[in-house]
Amino acid sequence: MPVSTVKLNHINLPVTDVAASSGFFEQYFNFKCTGIKGNNMVAVMEGEDGFILVLMADTFNRAGNSNYPDAFHIGFLVDSHEQVDEVYNRLVKGNIEAAQPPGALRGGYGFYFNAPGNILTEVTCLA
């Protein structure tokens, strides 16, 4: 019998600095920290839509691998060009560099940048 509703509940991202990364996602993407475990070893963040982002110290990686694959990235979808520009301008004001300013991106409008922990991040709108 098929499952009627399946929803991605959370993602766990290993990062080099849990405190800096959680502060970044709070400041720029409106996540709220709902729990810290250990001495900033794990931060549980909740997005406005209820999505859970878990930031875990990369020292938990048993094999010692702290790098993401080349094409790995996370993406934030916003409603308009203006919102893409607003996020971009806030990042620039906060000294977060983007490879290039927003522009045409796979039929939409957006840009990429590296978030703390070297996490390739996309901000885009479809219109």
C-alpha atoms as a PDB file:
ATOM      1  CA  MET A   1       0.000   0.000   0.000  1.00  0.00           C
ATOM      2  CA  PRO A   2       1.534   3.371  -1.006  1.00  0.00           C
ATOM      3  CA  VAL A   3       2.230   5.990   1.612  1.00  0.00           C
ATOM      4  CA  SER A   4      -0.161   8.884   1.133  1.00  0.00           C
ATOM      5  CA  THR A   5       2.164  11.710   2.186  1.00  0.00           C
ATOM      6  CA  VAL A   6       5.926  11.707   2.375  1.00  0.00           C
ATOM      7  CA  LYS A   7       7.742  14.847   3.431  1.00  0.00           C
ATOM      8  CA  LEU A   8      11.447  15.450   3.872  1.00  0.00           C
ATOM      9  CA  ASN A   9      11.714  16.119   7.601  1.00  0.00           C
ATOM     10  CA  HIS A  10      15.301  17.222   8.144  1.00  0.00           C
ATOM     11  CA  ILE A  11      18.834  17.269   6.859  1.00  0.00           C
ATOM     12  CA  ASN A  12      22.020  16.914   8.883  1.00  0.00           C
ATOM     13  CA  LEU A  13      24.992  18.973   7.718  1.00  0.00           C
ATOM     14  CA  PRO A  14      28.458  18.486   9.181  1.00  0.00           C
ATOM     15  CA  VAL A  15      30.119  21.873   9.679  1.00  0.00           C
ATOM     16  CA  THR A  16      33.462  23.048  11.037  1.00  0.00           C
ATOM     17  CA  ASP A  17      31.927  25.614  13.413  1.00  0.00           C
ATOM     18  CA  VAL A  18      28.430  24.844  14.716  1.00  0.00           C
ATOM     19  CA  ALA A  19      27.994  28.180  16.524  1.00  0.00           C
ATOM     20  CA  ALA A  20      29.012  30.277  13.497  1.00  0.00           C
ATOM     21  CA  SER A  21      26.886  28.206  11.120  1.00  0.00           C
ATOM     22  CA  SER A  22      23.792  28.322  13.323  1.00  0.00           C
ATOM     23  CA  GLY A  23      24.188  32.089  13.723  1.00  0.00           C
ATOM     24  CA  PHE A  24      24.468  32.430   9.955  1.00  0.00           C
ATOM     25  CA  PHE A  25      21.240  30.491   9.265  1.00  0.00           C
ATOM     26  CA  GLU A  26      19.433  32.491  11.970  1.00  0.00           C
ATOM     27  CA  GLN A  27      20.627  35.837  10.629  1.00  0.00           C
ATOM     28  CA  TYR A  28      20.155  35.302   6.906  1.00  0.00           C
ATOM     29  CA  PHE A  29      17.451  32.635   6.539  1.00  0.00           C
ATOM     30  CA  ASN A  30      15.246  33.075   9.624  1.00  0.00           C
ATOM     31  CA  PHE A  31      15.975  29.688  11.187  1.00  0.00           C
ATOM     32  CA  LYS A  32      15.482  29.463  14.953  1.00  0.00           C
ATOM     33  CA  CYS A  33      17.787  27.382  17.111  1.00  0.00           C
ATOM     34  CA  THR A  34      15.587  24.991  19.102  1.00  0.00           C
ATOM     35  CA  GLY A  35      18.378  23.102  20.821  1.00  0.00           C
ATOM     36  CA  ILE A  36      22.122  22.850  21.342  1.00  0.00           C
ATOM     37  CA  LYS A  37      23.745  19.592  22.376  1.00  0.00           C
ATOM     38  CA  GLY A  38      27.133  19.340  23.976  1.00  0.00           C
ATOM     39  CA  ASN A  39      29.486  22.288  23.749  1.00  0.00           C
ATOM     40  CA  ASN A  40      28.135  23.476  20.372  1.00  0.00           C
ATOM     41  CA  MET A  41      28.537  19.980  18.960  1.00  0.00           C
ATOM     42  CA  VAL A  42      25.007  19.862  17.496  1.00  0.00           C
ATOM     43  CA  ALA A  43      22.492  22.622  16.798  1.00  0.00           C
ATOM     44  CA  VAL A  44      18.905  21.850  15.862  1.00  0.00           C
ATOM     45  CA  MET A  45      17.438  24.646  13.754  1.00  0.00           C
ATOM     46  CA  GLU A  46      13.834  25.065  12.636  1.00  0.00           C
ATOM     47  CA  GLY A  47      12.822  26.982   9.522  1.00  0.00           C
ATOM     48  CA  GLU A  48       9.691  29.093   9.227  1.00  0.00           C
ATOM     49  CA  ASP A  49       8.042  26.236   7.326  1.00  0.00           C
ATOM     50  CA  GLY A  50       8.893  23.671  10.020  1.00  0.00           C
ATOM     51  CA  PHE A  51      11.848  22.156   8.175  1.00  0.00           C
ATOM     52  CA  ILE A  52      14.568  20.966  10.567  1.00  0.00           C
ATOM     53  CA  LEU A  53      18.222  21.713   9.801  1.00  0.00           C
ATOM     54  CA  VAL A  54      20.675  19.878  12.040  1.00  0.00           C
ATOM     55  CA  LEU A  55      24.196  21.275  12.149  1.00  0.00           C
ATOM     56  CA  MET A  56      26.683  18.790  13.536  1.00  0.00           C
ATOM     57  CA  ALA A  57      30.368  19.282  14.299  1.00  0.00           C
ATOM     58  CA  ASP A  58      32.392  17.638  11.542  1.00  0.00           C
ATOM     59  CA  THR A  59      34.407  15.835  14.210  1.00  0.00           C
ATOM     60  CA  PHE A  60      31.519  13.324  14.323  1.00  0.00           C
ATOM     61  CA  ASN A  61      32.553  12.048  10.882  1.00  0.00           C
ATOM     62  CA  ARG A  62      34.073   8.699  11.800  1.00  0.00           C
ATOM     63  CA  ALA A  63      35.997   8.344   8.541  1.00  0.00           C
ATOM     64  CA  GLY A  64      37.457  11.844   8.861  1.00  0.00           C
ATOM     65  CA  ASN A  65      35.763  13.090   5.679  1.00  0.00           C
ATOM     66  CA  SER A  66      34.745  16.716   6.141  1.00  0.00           C
ATOM     67  CA  ASN A  67      34.293  17.649   2.470  1.00  0.00           C
ATOM     68  CA  TYR A  68      31.101  17.777   0.463  1.00  0.00           C
ATOM     69  CA  PRO A  69      31.013  16.335  -3.069  1.00  0.00           C
ATOM     70  CA  ASP A  70      31.661  18.960  -5.770  1.00  0.00           C
ATOM     71  CA  ALA A  71      28.051  19.229  -6.920  1.00  0.00           C
ATOM     72  CA  PHE A  72      26.493  19.129  -3.419  1.00  0.00           C
ATOM     73  CA  HIS A  73      24.515  22.200  -2.477  1.00  0.00           C
ATOM     74  CA  ILE A  74      21.457  23.354  -0.574  1.00  0.00           C
ATOM     75  CA  GLY A  75      18.885  25.707  -2.052  1.00  0.00           C
ATOM     76  CA  PHE A  76      16.436  28.293  -0.814  1.00  0.00           C
ATOM     77  CA  LEU A  77      13.421  29.108  -2.981  1.00  0.00           C
ATOM     78  CA  VAL A  78      11.944  32.578  -2.628  1.00  0.00           C
ATOM     79  CA  ASP A  79       8.941  34.152  -4.349  1.00  0.00           C
ATOM     80  CA  SER A  80      10.403  37.003  -6.389  1.00  0.00           C
ATOM     81  CA  HIS A  81      13.406  38.670  -7.977  1.00  0.00           C
ATOM     82  CA  GLU A  82      13.158  41.329  -5.268  1.00  0.00           C
ATOM     83  CA  GLN A  83      13.535  38.712  -2.528  1.00  0.00           C
ATOM     84  CA  VAL A  84      16.562  37.192  -4.279  1.00  0.00           C
ATOM     85  CA  ASP A  85      18.117  40.662  -4.483  1.00  0.00           C
ATOM     86  CA  GLU A  86      17.259  41.355  -0.830  1.00  0.00           C
ATOM     87  CA  VAL A  87      19.027  38.183   0.355  1.00  0.00           C
ATOM     88  CA  TYR A  88      22.009  38.927  -1.888  1.00  0.00           C
ATOM     89  CA  ASN A  89      22.306  42.497  -0.593  1.00  0.00           C
ATOM     90  CA  ARG A  90      22.068  41.366   3.059  1.00  0.00           C
ATOM     91  CA  LEU A  91      24.819  38.808   2.461  1.00  0.00           C
ATOM     92  CA  VAL A  92      27.064  41.375   0.761  1.00  0.00           C
ATOM     93  CA  LYS A  93      26.454  43.789   3.634  1.00  0.00           C
ATOM     94  CA  GLY A  94      27.502  40.996   6.012  1.00  0.00           C
ATOM     95  CA  ASN A  95      30.725  40.413   4.039  1.00  0.00           C
ATOM     96  CA  ILE A  96      29.537  37.091   2.603  1.00  0.00           C
ATOM     97  CA  GLU A  97      30.847  36.839  -0.952  1.00  0.00           C
ATOM     98  CA  ALA A  98      28.902  35.416  -3.859  1.00  0.00           C
ATOM     99  CA  ALA A  99      30.690  34.210  -6.990  1.00  0.00           C
ATOM    100  CA  GLN A 100      28.526  36.578  -9.025  1.00  0.00           C
ATOM    101  CA  PRO A 101      25.452  38.762  -8.502  1.00  0.00           C
ATOM    102  CA  PRO A 102      21.954  37.372  -9.095  1.00  0.00           C
ATOM    103  CA  GLY A 103      21.029  36.627 -12.664  1.00  0.00           C
ATOM    104  CA  ALA A 104      19.417  34.071 -14.939  1.00  0.00           C
ATOM    105  CA  LEU A 105      19.665  30.630 -13.358  1.00  0.00           C
ATOM    106  CA  ARG A 106      18.099  27.512 -14.936  1.00  0.00           C
ATOM    107  CA  GLY A 107      14.980  29.325 -16.117  1.00  0.00           C
ATOM    108  CA  GLY A 108      14.707  31.388 -12.940  1.00  0.00           C
ATOM    109  CA  TYR A 109      16.668  34.104 -11.207  1.00  0.00           C
ATOM    110  CA  GLY A 110      19.226  33.530  -8.466  1.00  0.00           C
ATOM    111  CA  PHE A 111      22.797  33.122  -7.300  1.00  0.00           C
ATOM    112  CA  TYR A 112      25.189  30.809  -5.471  1.00  0.00           C
ATOM    113  CA  PHE A 113      27.510  31.474  -2.552  1.00  0.00           C
ATOM    114  CA  ASN A 114      29.456  29.509   0.047  1.00  0.00           C
ATOM    115  CA  ALA A 115      27.862  29.546   3.487  1.00  0.00           C
ATOM    116  CA  PRO A 116      30.032  28.991   6.573  1.00  0.00           C
ATOM    117  CA  GLY A 117      31.439  25.479   6.536  1.00  0.00           C
ATOM    118  CA  ASN A 118      31.971  25.769   2.780  1.00  0.00           C
ATOM    119  CA  ILE A 119      28.378  24.745   2.011  1.00  0.00           C
ATOM    120  CA  LEU A 120      27.491  25.734  -1.548  1.00  0.00           C
ATOM    121  CA  THR A 121      24.133  27.494  -1.244  1.00  0.00           C
ATOM    122  CA  GLU A 122      21.648  28.622  -3.887  1.00  0.00           C
ATOM    123  CA  VAL A 123      19.012  31.326  -3.548  1.00  0.00           C
ATOM    124  CA  THR A 124      16.563  31.421  -6.428  1.00  0.00           C
ATOM    125  CA  CYS A 125      13.042  32.224  -7.569  1.00  0.00           C
ATOM    126  CA  LEU A 126      11.242  30.525 -10.423  1.00  0.00           C
ATOM    127  CA  ALA A 127       9.640  33.590 -11.985  1.00  0.00           C
END
